[in-house]
Amino acid sequence: MPSIVFERQAPPRALVEQALAGSVNRPFWLDDAPARPAHEPLRGRTPAALAIVGGGFLGLWTAILAKERDPGRDVVLLEAGRIGNAASGRNGGFCEASITHGDDNAAWRWPDEVEQLETQGARNLAEFEATLARHRIDCDFERNGLLEVALEPHQDALLRDRADYLGRAAVRAELDSPTFLSGSWSRDGTALLHPGKLVDGLARVAAELGVRLHEASAVDALEEHAGGVRLRSAHGEVLAQQVVLATNAFPSLLPRLRRHTIPIYDYALMSEPLDAARMASIGWQHRQGVADLGNQFHYYRLTRDNRILFGGYDAIYHFGSRIDSALEDRAQTYAKLASHFFTTFPQLEGLRFTHRWAGVIDTSSRLCAFYAQAMGGRVAYAAGFTGLGVGATRFAGNVLLDKLDGIDSERTRLRMTRELPMPFPPEPLRYAAVQAARWSLDRADHRGGRRNLFLRGLHAMGLGFDS
């Protein structure tokens, strides 16, 4: 089978080992975020107009939007661990306008709604930025766009019809990598930010608006009670009129929805800061986010202090939808990422990585979030963001509040917010299907992008694995 550029131009193993030596298995974003006091666990019984389960981006945005709509609404948020310690503090910090995982995914699934979906996504990103300014949230927000790069001839063919096509010389003038054959710079639809600082800012604003935040308060049970919903944790309970479930990759408190997502581990490296000479060697003056066009793709970007985050490629599913912190330190994946990094930037030989980490992505079969209600409409739920939740969770918070309040809006009329994706099969078929899909996607990358019968069959069924 033909090789790919990362195999043809692999760096020496010693270089990879040296670069990873001394790195810590901990998310850079959480290390670099401001220190903040812990919020007390829930104790005793308390009423609430709205209870939110989950203290990541979805839970925090929903809490803030709820208070902005109705400052008098009593909102309580329950987080099992520390606020923002799961996917919200472990992602790449790409904030996309798309709420559908790209225009192609929207056109395939909802061709009659593409224009509306694009409008809603663009409006959400603009409102996202405005909210940061209004509440003085400094999260290193940079709206520099996304540079998509072709590394193989068949990927170049995908870009040639785009109005913003950049040939080899033009793309390397933006960011100098010998692996780049061409590129396309979309300037408006992507922003970069610091997820740890965003979590900190959203938690601060939520508290200032009067949201009651409780950490170390895992919800063990959810049940209808006296015209409302009772949520039970180890040391207390909430009697809520309405509930939003924002647990994303973790097993839903509504068992019937658990088969609609699977947890996929995504991995990333963070380098030490680049000095002026190293920055000059690669260019990158416009500081775009970058993604290559492989089925198994990489994403990378600069931080405010010119570190390079380099992540993606491996997407690992564990049998039985297992989620365990022991799965985060996967040496073979970090070595692969470091090798691919130095293939991409051989001029950065000698650069070291300070952090390596993993996060769990809540993947749905349609590659973007879905929405549901239960218990007579008193419970609303969103999940399945498939790696693009940094921006889409704000849109989702508005959808969930519209649904809970019975509002007929442009958001709730979308088919995307009314339809559930196809569930994943039960084990052991689920594990076998995911592994077969990963093998097939890798094979397609090695065969000029040509997809086999298995992948074409999944596509026909509406199942996506190419995130």
Protein backbone atom coordinates (compact mmCIF):
# COMPACT_ATOMS: atom_id res chain seq x y z
CA MET A 1 0.00 0.00 0.00
CA PRO A 2 1.41 3.47 -0.86
CA SER A 3 2.86 5.52 1.97
CA ILE A 4 1.74 8.92 3.27
CA VAL A 5 4.03 11.88 3.86
CA PHE A 6 4.40 11.13 7.57
CA GLU A 7 5.82 7.73 6.66
CA ARG A 8 7.93 8.93 3.74
CA GLN A 9 9.54 11.73 5.77
CA ALA A 10 9.54 10.38 9.31
CA PRO A 11 12.12 11.97 11.64
CA PRO A 12 14.63 9.93 13.69
CA ARG A 13 13.13 8.17 16.67
CA ALA A 14 15.69 9.76 18.99
CA LEU A 15 14.42 13.22 18.04
CA VAL A 16 10.88 12.25 18.99
CA GLU A 17 11.95 10.73 22.31
CA GLN A 18 14.01 13.77 23.20
CA ALA A 19 11.13 16.13 22.42
CA LEU A 20 8.71 14.23 24.65
CA ALA A 21 11.12 13.72 27.55
CA GLY A 22 10.07 15.83 30.51
CA SER A 23 6.54 16.55 29.24
CA VAL A 24 3.77 16.21 31.81
CA ASN A 25 0.55 14.27 31.26
CA ARG A 26 -1.73 17.18 32.07
CA PRO A 27 -3.78 19.64 29.98
CA PHE A 28 -1.81 22.80 29.34
CA TRP A 29 -4.98 24.89 29.36
CA LEU A 30 -5.82 23.91 32.94
CA ASP A 31 -2.24 24.46 34.10
CA ASP A 32 -2.19 27.89 32.47
CA ALA A 33 -5.62 29.09 33.66
CA PRO A 34 -5.95 31.40 36.67
CA ALA A 35 -6.21 29.67 40.04
CA ARG A 36 -9.73 29.77 41.45
CA PRO A 37 -11.34 28.51 44.65
CA ALA A 38 -13.40 25.34 44.58
CA HIS A 39 -17.17 25.52 44.79
CA GLU A 40 -18.74 23.68 47.72
CA PRO A 41 -20.49 20.35 47.09
CA LEU A 42 -24.27 20.23 47.21
CA ARG A 43 -25.50 19.43 50.70
CA GLY A 44 -29.07 18.95 51.85
CA ARG A 45 -32.26 19.51 49.89
CA THR A 46 -32.83 22.61 47.76
CA PRO A 47 -35.44 23.75 45.23
CA ALA A 48 -34.53 25.30 41.87
CA ALA A 49 -36.34 26.61 38.83
CA LEU A 50 -33.62 25.14 36.61
CA ALA A 51 -31.02 22.51 37.48
CA ILE A 52 -28.09 21.89 35.15
CA VAL A 53 -26.06 18.69 35.33
CA GLY A 54 -22.53 19.20 34.02
CA GLY A 55 -20.06 22.05 34.47
CA GLY A 56 -18.46 22.22 31.04
CA PHE A 57 -19.12 24.70 28.26
CA LEU A 58 -22.67 23.48 27.64
CA GLY A 59 -23.67 23.70 31.29
CA LEU A 60 -22.02 27.07 31.86
CA TRP A 61 -23.40 28.66 28.69
CA THR A 62 -26.91 27.39 29.47
CA ALA A 63 -26.71 28.79 33.00
CA ILE A 64 -25.56 32.22 31.79
CA LEU A 65 -28.13 32.39 28.99
CA ALA A 66 -30.89 31.37 31.38
CA LYS A 67 -30.00 34.21 33.77
CA GLU A 68 -29.65 36.72 30.94
CA ARG A 69 -33.13 35.79 29.73
CA ASP A 70 -34.63 35.92 33.21
CA PRO A 71 -32.40 37.32 35.99
CA GLY A 72 -34.88 36.12 38.58
CA ARG A 73 -34.72 32.49 37.53
CA ASP A 74 -33.18 30.34 40.26
CA VAL A 75 -30.46 28.25 38.58
CA VAL A 76 -28.27 25.61 40.19
CA LEU A 77 -25.40 23.81 38.40
CA LEU A 78 -24.03 20.47 39.59
CA GLU A 79 -20.61 19.24 38.45
CA ALA A 80 -19.28 15.78 39.33
CA GLY A 81 -15.63 16.89 39.52
CA ARG A 82 -14.11 20.30 38.88
CA ILE A 83 -15.82 22.74 36.52
CA GLY A 84 -14.21 22.55 33.08
CA ASN A 85 -11.92 19.63 33.90
CA ALA A 86 -13.30 17.29 31.23
CA ALA A 87 -13.57 18.02 27.48
CA SER A 88 -14.05 21.77 27.99
CA GLY A 89 -10.55 22.12 29.43
CA ARG A 90 -8.87 19.62 27.09
CA ASN A 91 -9.76 20.66 23.54
CA GLY A 92 -7.75 22.50 20.92
CA GLY A 93 -9.38 25.86 21.51
CA PHE A 94 -10.87 26.16 18.01
CA CYS A 95 -14.20 28.02 18.11
CA GLU A 96 -16.10 27.39 14.88
CA ALA A 97 -19.08 29.19 13.40
CA SER A 98 -20.37 25.89 12.04
CA ILE A 99 -22.95 24.16 14.24
CA THR A 100 -23.13 21.16 11.88
CA HIS A 101 -19.49 20.05 11.63
CA GLY A 102 -19.00 21.83 8.36
CA ASP A 103 -21.05 22.88 5.34
CA ASP A 104 -20.66 19.53 3.58
CA ASN A 105 -22.17 17.65 6.53
CA ALA A 106 -25.09 20.10 6.60
CA ALA A 107 -25.66 19.86 2.84
CA TRP A 108 -25.68 16.07 2.99
CA ARG A 109 -28.11 15.76 5.90
CA TRP A 110 -30.29 18.88 5.67
CA PRO A 111 -29.96 20.26 2.12
CA ASP A 112 -33.10 22.38 2.51
CA GLU A 113 -31.73 24.10 5.63
CA VAL A 114 -28.12 24.85 4.70
CA GLU A 115 -28.60 28.62 4.45
CA GLN A 116 -30.47 28.77 7.77
CA LEU A 117 -27.84 26.63 9.50
CA GLU A 118 -25.02 28.82 8.19
CA THR A 119 -26.87 31.96 9.32
CA GLN A 120 -27.51 30.54 12.77
CA GLY A 121 -23.88 29.48 13.13
CA ALA A 122 -22.50 32.84 12.07
CA ARG A 123 -24.89 34.64 14.42
CA ASN A 124 -23.89 32.38 17.29
CA LEU A 125 -20.18 33.10 16.81
CA ALA A 126 -20.83 36.85 16.63
CA GLU A 127 -22.91 36.69 19.81
CA PHE A 128 -20.23 34.53 21.43
CA GLU A 129 -17.65 37.25 20.79
CA ALA A 130 -20.04 39.96 21.97
CA THR A 131 -20.70 38.07 25.22
CA LEU A 132 -16.97 37.89 25.92
CA ALA A 133 -16.71 41.65 25.50
CA ARG A 134 -19.85 42.40 27.53
CA HIS A 135 -18.70 40.32 30.49
CA ARG A 136 -14.98 41.18 30.15
CA ILE A 137 -13.88 37.57 29.66
CA ASP A 138 -10.25 37.55 28.53
CA CYS A 139 -9.68 34.12 26.97
CA ASP A 140 -7.10 35.03 24.29
CA PHE A 141 -9.85 35.23 21.66
CA GLU A 142 -8.38 35.64 18.14
CA ARG A 143 -10.61 35.52 15.06
CA ASN A 144 -7.89 34.55 12.59
CA GLY A 145 -9.70 31.94 10.53
CA LEU A 146 -8.78 28.40 9.50
CA LEU A 147 -6.04 27.38 7.07
CA GLU A 148 -6.84 23.98 5.55
CA VAL A 149 -3.81 22.34 3.97
CA ALA A 150 -3.36 19.57 1.42
CA LEU A 151 -0.54 17.11 2.06
CA GLU A 152 -1.22 14.66 -0.79
CA PRO A 153 -2.25 15.19 -4.45
CA HIS A 154 -5.81 13.92 -3.94
CA GLN A 155 -6.26 16.44 -1.11
CA ASP A 156 -5.05 19.24 -3.36
CA ALA A 157 -7.76 18.28 -5.85
CA LEU A 158 -10.38 18.93 -3.15
CA LEU A 159 -9.23 22.54 -2.81
CA ARG A 160 -8.69 23.65 -6.39
CA ASP A 161 -12.24 24.91 -6.98
CA ARG A 162 -12.26 27.14 -3.90
CA ALA A 163 -12.12 30.89 -4.37
CA ASP A 164 -9.53 31.20 -1.60
CA TYR A 165 -7.24 28.50 -3.03
CA LEU A 166 -3.55 28.97 -2.22
CA GLY A 167 -0.92 27.22 -4.32
CA ARG A 168 2.23 25.75 -2.83
CA ALA A 169 4.20 29.00 -2.71
CA ALA A 170 1.26 30.99 -1.38
CA VAL A 171 0.38 28.55 1.39
CA ARG A 172 4.02 28.23 2.46
CA ALA A 173 4.20 32.02 2.62
CA GLU A 174 1.50 31.79 5.29
CA LEU A 175 3.05 28.85 7.15
CA ASP A 176 6.20 27.18 5.95
CA SER A 177 6.02 23.41 5.94
CA PRO A 178 7.59 21.22 3.25
CA THR A 179 4.55 18.94 3.54
CA PHE A 180 2.12 21.56 2.21
CA LEU A 181 1.08 21.21 -1.42
CA SER A 182 -1.68 23.82 -1.26
CA GLY A 183 -4.19 25.37 1.08
CA SER A 184 -7.36 27.33 1.60
CA TRP A 185 -7.73 30.13 4.15
CA SER A 186 -11.28 30.68 5.40
CA ARG A 187 -10.96 33.95 7.29
CA ASP A 188 -14.29 34.47 9.07
CA GLY A 189 -15.63 31.19 10.40
CA THR A 190 -13.03 30.21 12.99
CA ALA A 191 -11.67 31.85 16.12
CA LEU A 192 -9.01 30.61 18.52
CA LEU A 193 -9.22 30.89 22.28
CA HIS A 194 -7.80 29.59 25.57
CA PRO A 195 -10.30 26.99 26.85
CA GLY A 196 -9.07 27.12 30.45
CA LYS A 197 -9.46 30.89 30.61
CA LEU A 198 -12.87 30.63 28.95
CA VAL A 199 -14.04 28.12 31.56
CA ASP A 200 -12.77 30.40 34.31
CA GLY A 201 -14.50 33.43 32.81
CA LEU A 202 -17.83 31.67 32.23
CA ALA A 203 -17.83 30.27 35.79
CA ARG A 204 -17.13 33.75 37.15
CA VAL A 205 -19.93 35.31 35.14
CA ALA A 206 -22.38 32.56 36.09
CA ALA A 207 -21.64 33.13 39.78
CA GLU A 208 -21.95 36.92 39.40
CA LEU A 209 -25.36 36.45 37.78
CA GLY A 210 -26.50 34.39 40.75
CA VAL A 211 -26.09 30.82 39.51
CA ARG A 212 -25.42 28.44 42.39
CA LEU A 213 -22.36 26.36 41.43
CA HIS A 214 -21.57 23.07 43.15
CA GLU A 215 -18.52 20.90 42.38
CA ALA A 216 -17.88 17.32 43.57
CA SER A 217 -21.63 16.78 43.23
CA ALA A 218 -22.18 13.87 40.86
CA VAL A 219 -25.87 13.25 40.15
CA ASP A 220 -26.69 9.60 40.75
CA ALA A 221 -30.40 9.56 39.96
CA LEU A 222 -32.99 11.55 38.05
CA GLU A 223 -36.70 10.95 38.67
CA GLU A 224 -40.06 12.67 38.31
CA HIS A 225 -41.35 14.03 41.58
CA ALA A 226 -44.40 16.14 42.49
CA GLY A 227 -44.73 17.85 39.12
CA GLY A 228 -40.99 18.41 38.82
CA VAL A 229 -37.75 16.47 38.76
CA ARG A 230 -35.65 15.24 41.65
CA LEU A 231 -31.86 14.99 41.24
CA ARG A 232 -29.95 13.03 43.84
CA SER A 233 -26.27 13.26 44.67
CA ALA A 234 -24.21 11.70 47.46
CA HIS A 235 -24.96 14.40 50.04
CA GLY A 236 -27.98 16.27 48.77
CA GLU A 237 -30.79 16.60 46.29
CA VAL A 238 -32.38 19.23 44.10
CA LEU A 239 -36.11 19.50 43.45
CA ALA A 240 -36.20 21.28 40.10
CA GLN A 241 -38.98 22.52 37.86
CA GLN A 242 -36.77 21.99 34.80
CA VAL A 243 -33.47 20.20 34.10
CA VAL A 244 -30.76 20.47 31.46
CA LEU A 245 -28.42 17.50 31.08
CA ALA A 246 -24.99 18.61 29.86
CA THR A 247 -22.91 15.49 30.48
CA ASN A 248 -21.77 15.08 26.84
CA ALA A 249 -19.48 12.02 26.53
CA PHE A 250 -20.38 10.61 29.92
CA PRO A 251 -23.28 8.14 30.21
CA SER A 252 -26.59 9.94 30.12
CA LEU A 253 -28.95 9.87 33.08
CA LEU A 254 -31.55 8.99 30.44
CA PRO A 255 -30.63 5.41 29.45
CA ARG A 256 -32.58 5.52 26.17
CA LEU A 257 -30.16 8.13 24.84
CA ARG A 258 -26.90 6.38 25.72
CA ARG A 259 -26.56 4.60 22.39
CA HIS A 260 -26.66 7.88 20.48
CA THR A 261 -23.08 8.81 21.44
CA ILE A 262 -19.79 7.02 21.88
CA PRO A 263 -16.73 8.37 23.72
CA ILE A 264 -13.67 8.83 21.49
CA TYR A 265 -10.29 9.73 22.97
CA ASP A 266 -8.48 12.59 21.25
CA TYR A 267 -4.83 13.45 22.03
CA ALA A 268 -2.72 16.60 21.89
CA LEU A 269 0.78 17.95 22.53
CA MET A 270 1.83 21.44 23.54
CA SER A 271 5.32 22.75 22.79
CA GLU A 272 7.49 25.11 24.71
CA PRO A 273 7.26 28.75 23.49
CA LEU A 274 9.00 29.47 20.19
CA ASP A 275 11.64 32.20 20.25
CA ALA A 276 11.89 34.83 17.52
CA ALA A 277 14.25 32.79 15.37
CA ARG A 278 12.03 29.73 15.40
CA MET A 279 8.95 31.81 14.65
CA ALA A 280 10.79 33.38 11.71
CA SER A 281 11.65 29.91 10.39
CA ILE A 282 7.97 28.97 10.02
CA GLY A 283 6.31 32.33 9.37
CA TRP A 284 2.70 32.08 10.61
CA GLN A 285 2.35 35.83 10.90
CA HIS A 286 -1.45 35.69 10.59
CA ARG A 287 -1.76 33.06 13.36
CA GLN A 288 -4.49 31.01 11.68
CA GLY A 289 -5.70 27.74 13.06
CA VAL A 290 -4.61 24.87 10.80
CA ALA A 291 -6.08 21.51 9.84
CA ASP A 292 -4.94 19.09 7.17
CA LEU A 293 -7.33 17.24 4.89
CA GLY A 294 -6.61 13.63 5.81
CA ASN A 295 -9.43 11.38 6.97
CA GLN A 296 -7.24 11.03 10.03
CA PHE A 297 -6.31 14.68 10.35
CA HIS A 298 -4.20 16.93 12.53
CA TYR A 299 -5.16 20.31 13.95
CA TYR A 300 -2.63 22.84 15.19
CA ARG A 301 -2.40 26.42 16.33
CA LEU A 302 -0.41 29.02 18.24
CA THR A 303 -1.06 30.17 21.79
CA ARG A 304 -0.66 33.77 22.92
CA ASP A 305 2.96 33.07 23.95
CA ASN A 306 3.74 31.25 20.67
CA ARG A 307 3.57 27.66 21.80
CA ILE A 308 2.30 25.20 19.19
CA LEU A 309 -0.58 22.90 20.05
CA PHE A 310 -0.48 19.82 17.79
CA GLY A 311 -3.29 17.28 18.12
CA GLY A 312 -5.62 14.84 16.43
CA TYR A 313 -4.95 11.95 14.04
CA ASP A 314 -5.52 9.02 16.41
CA ALA A 315 -9.14 8.72 17.54
CA ILE A 316 -9.38 5.86 20.01
CA TYR A 317 -12.53 4.03 21.10
CA HIS A 318 -12.35 1.52 23.95
CA PHE A 319 -14.62 -1.50 24.20
CA GLY A 320 -17.80 -0.94 26.16
CA SER A 321 -17.55 2.86 25.81
CA ARG A 322 -14.99 2.83 28.59
CA ILE A 323 -13.97 6.19 30.07
CA ASP A 324 -11.03 6.04 32.47
CA SER A 325 -8.23 8.48 33.34
CA ALA A 326 -5.80 5.57 32.92
CA LEU A 327 -6.50 5.73 29.17
CA GLU A 328 -5.21 9.30 28.83
CA ASP A 329 -1.46 8.60 28.79
CA ARG A 330 -1.10 6.65 25.53
CA ALA A 331 2.61 6.60 24.73
CA GLN A 332 2.28 5.29 21.16
CA THR A 333 -0.10 8.09 20.21
CA TYR A 334 2.09 10.83 21.68
CA ALA A 335 5.11 9.41 19.87
CA LYS A 336 3.13 9.35 16.62
CA LEU A 337 2.02 12.97 17.09
CA ALA A 338 5.56 14.11 17.87
CA SER A 339 6.87 12.29 14.80
CA HIS A 340 4.22 13.92 12.59
CA PHE A 341 5.03 17.31 14.14
CA PHE A 342 8.68 17.14 13.08
CA THR A 343 7.71 15.88 9.62
CA THR A 344 5.54 18.99 9.37
CA PHE A 345 8.17 21.35 10.81
CA PRO A 346 11.65 19.84 10.37
CA GLN A 347 13.12 23.32 10.94
CA LEU A 348 11.97 23.09 14.57
CA GLU A 349 14.26 20.18 15.40
CA GLY A 350 15.23 20.40 19.07
CA LEU A 351 11.93 21.93 20.20
CA ARG A 352 10.48 20.21 23.27
CA PHE A 353 6.94 19.48 24.37
CA THR A 354 5.91 20.57 27.85
CA HIS A 355 2.44 18.97 28.02
CA ARG A 356 0.64 15.95 26.60
CA TRP A 357 -3.00 15.11 27.32
CA ALA A 358 -6.18 13.46 26.16
CA GLY A 359 -9.86 14.33 26.23
CA VAL A 360 -13.04 12.39 25.50
CA ILE A 361 -15.14 13.52 22.54
CA ASP A 362 -18.89 12.80 22.54
CA THR A 363 -19.26 11.49 18.99
CA SER A 364 -22.65 11.11 17.33
CA SER A 365 -23.34 9.25 14.12
CA ARG A 366 -24.20 12.50 12.34
CA LEU A 367 -21.03 14.27 13.58
CA CYS A 368 -22.84 17.14 15.30
CA ALA A 369 -25.05 17.76 18.31
CA PHE A 370 -28.58 16.46 18.71
CA TYR A 371 -31.33 17.57 21.09
CA ALA A 372 -34.02 15.74 23.03
CA GLN A 373 -36.55 16.12 25.84
CA ALA A 374 -37.95 13.73 28.43
CA MET A 375 -40.20 13.57 31.48
CA GLY A 376 -43.04 15.53 29.95
CA GLY A 377 -40.70 18.11 28.48
CA ARG A 378 -39.23 19.08 31.85
CA VAL A 379 -35.80 17.61 30.99
CA ALA A 380 -33.79 18.79 27.97
CA TYR A 381 -30.60 17.26 26.68
CA ALA A 382 -27.91 17.90 24.07
CA ALA A 383 -24.88 15.78 23.17
CA GLY A 384 -22.85 14.50 20.24
CA PHE A 385 -20.81 17.64 19.47
CA THR A 386 -18.04 15.47 17.96
CA GLY A 387 -15.15 17.76 18.75
CA LEU A 388 -16.73 21.10 17.76
CA GLY A 389 -18.44 21.98 21.00
CA VAL A 390 -16.43 25.08 21.91
CA GLY A 391 -18.72 27.30 19.86
CA ALA A 392 -21.71 25.02 19.27
CA THR A 393 -22.44 24.57 22.98
CA ARG A 394 -23.56 28.20 23.19
CA PHE A 395 -26.02 27.63 20.35
CA ALA A 396 -27.13 24.42 22.07
CA GLY A 397 -27.79 26.25 25.34
CA ASN A 398 -30.22 28.54 23.53
CA VAL A 399 -31.92 25.60 21.82
CA LEU A 400 -32.42 23.80 25.13
CA LEU A 401 -33.84 26.86 26.84
CA ASP A 402 -36.18 27.49 23.90
CA LYS A 403 -37.40 23.91 24.15
CA LEU A 404 -37.90 24.03 27.91
CA ASP A 405 -39.79 27.31 27.66
CA GLY A 406 -41.94 26.14 24.75
CA ILE A 407 -40.62 28.84 22.43
CA ASP A 408 -41.24 28.36 18.71
CA SER A 409 -38.02 29.86 17.35
CA GLU A 410 -35.86 29.69 14.24
CA ARG A 411 -33.64 27.36 16.25
CA THR A 412 -36.36 24.92 17.34
CA ARG A 413 -37.88 24.73 13.87
CA LEU A 414 -34.68 23.35 12.36
CA ARG A 415 -34.78 19.66 11.49
CA MET A 416 -31.33 19.40 13.06
CA THR A 417 -32.75 20.31 16.47
CA ARG A 418 -35.82 18.07 16.12
CA GLU A 419 -34.37 14.82 14.79
CA LEU A 420 -32.28 12.21 16.58
CA PRO A 421 -29.31 10.59 14.81
CA MET A 422 -29.11 6.88 14.20
CA PRO A 423 -27.92 5.10 17.37
CA PHE A 424 -24.70 3.14 17.41
CA PRO A 425 -25.06 -0.66 17.53
CA PRO A 426 -24.64 -2.51 20.83
CA GLU A 427 -21.40 -4.23 21.78
CA PRO A 428 -19.57 -6.14 20.46
CA LEU A 429 -20.79 -4.82 17.08
CA ARG A 430 -20.05 -1.26 18.11
CA TYR A 431 -16.39 -1.91 18.83
CA ALA A 432 -15.98 -3.96 15.66
CA ALA A 433 -17.62 -1.24 13.54
CA VAL A 434 -15.45 1.53 14.97
CA GLN A 435 -12.24 -0.44 14.47
CA ALA A 436 -13.26 -1.35 10.93
CA ALA A 437 -14.01 2.29 10.21
CA ARG A 438 -10.63 3.43 11.57
CA TRP A 439 -8.82 0.83 9.48
CA SER A 440 -10.80 1.80 6.39
CA LEU A 441 -10.16 5.53 6.86
CA ASP A 442 -6.44 4.88 7.23
CA ARG A 443 -6.51 2.73 4.11
CA ALA A 444 -8.32 5.51 2.21
CA ASP A 445 -5.62 7.99 3.22
CA HIS A 446 -3.06 5.58 1.75
CA ARG A 447 -5.06 5.00 -1.45
CA GLY A 448 -5.57 8.51 -2.78
CA GLY A 449 -8.73 9.10 -0.74
CA ARG A 450 -10.63 6.18 -2.28
CA ARG A 451 -13.12 4.77 0.21
CA ASN A 452 -13.95 1.10 0.40
CA LEU A 453 -17.34 -0.57 0.35
CA PHE A 454 -17.58 -0.55 4.15
CA LEU A 455 -17.22 3.25 4.39
CA ARG A 456 -19.59 3.79 1.47
CA GLY A 457 -22.12 1.58 3.20
CA LEU A 458 -21.84 3.54 6.44
CA HIS A 459 -22.33 6.75 4.51
CA ALA A 460 -25.48 5.38 2.87
CA MET A 461 -26.83 4.53 6.33
CA GLY A 462 -26.19 8.05 7.62
CA LEU A 463 -23.34 7.00 9.90
CA GLY A 464 -20.24 9.16 9.99
CA PHE A 465 -16.79 8.23 11.28
CA ASP A 466 -14.61 10.78 9.51
CA SER A 467 -14.44 13.40 12.23
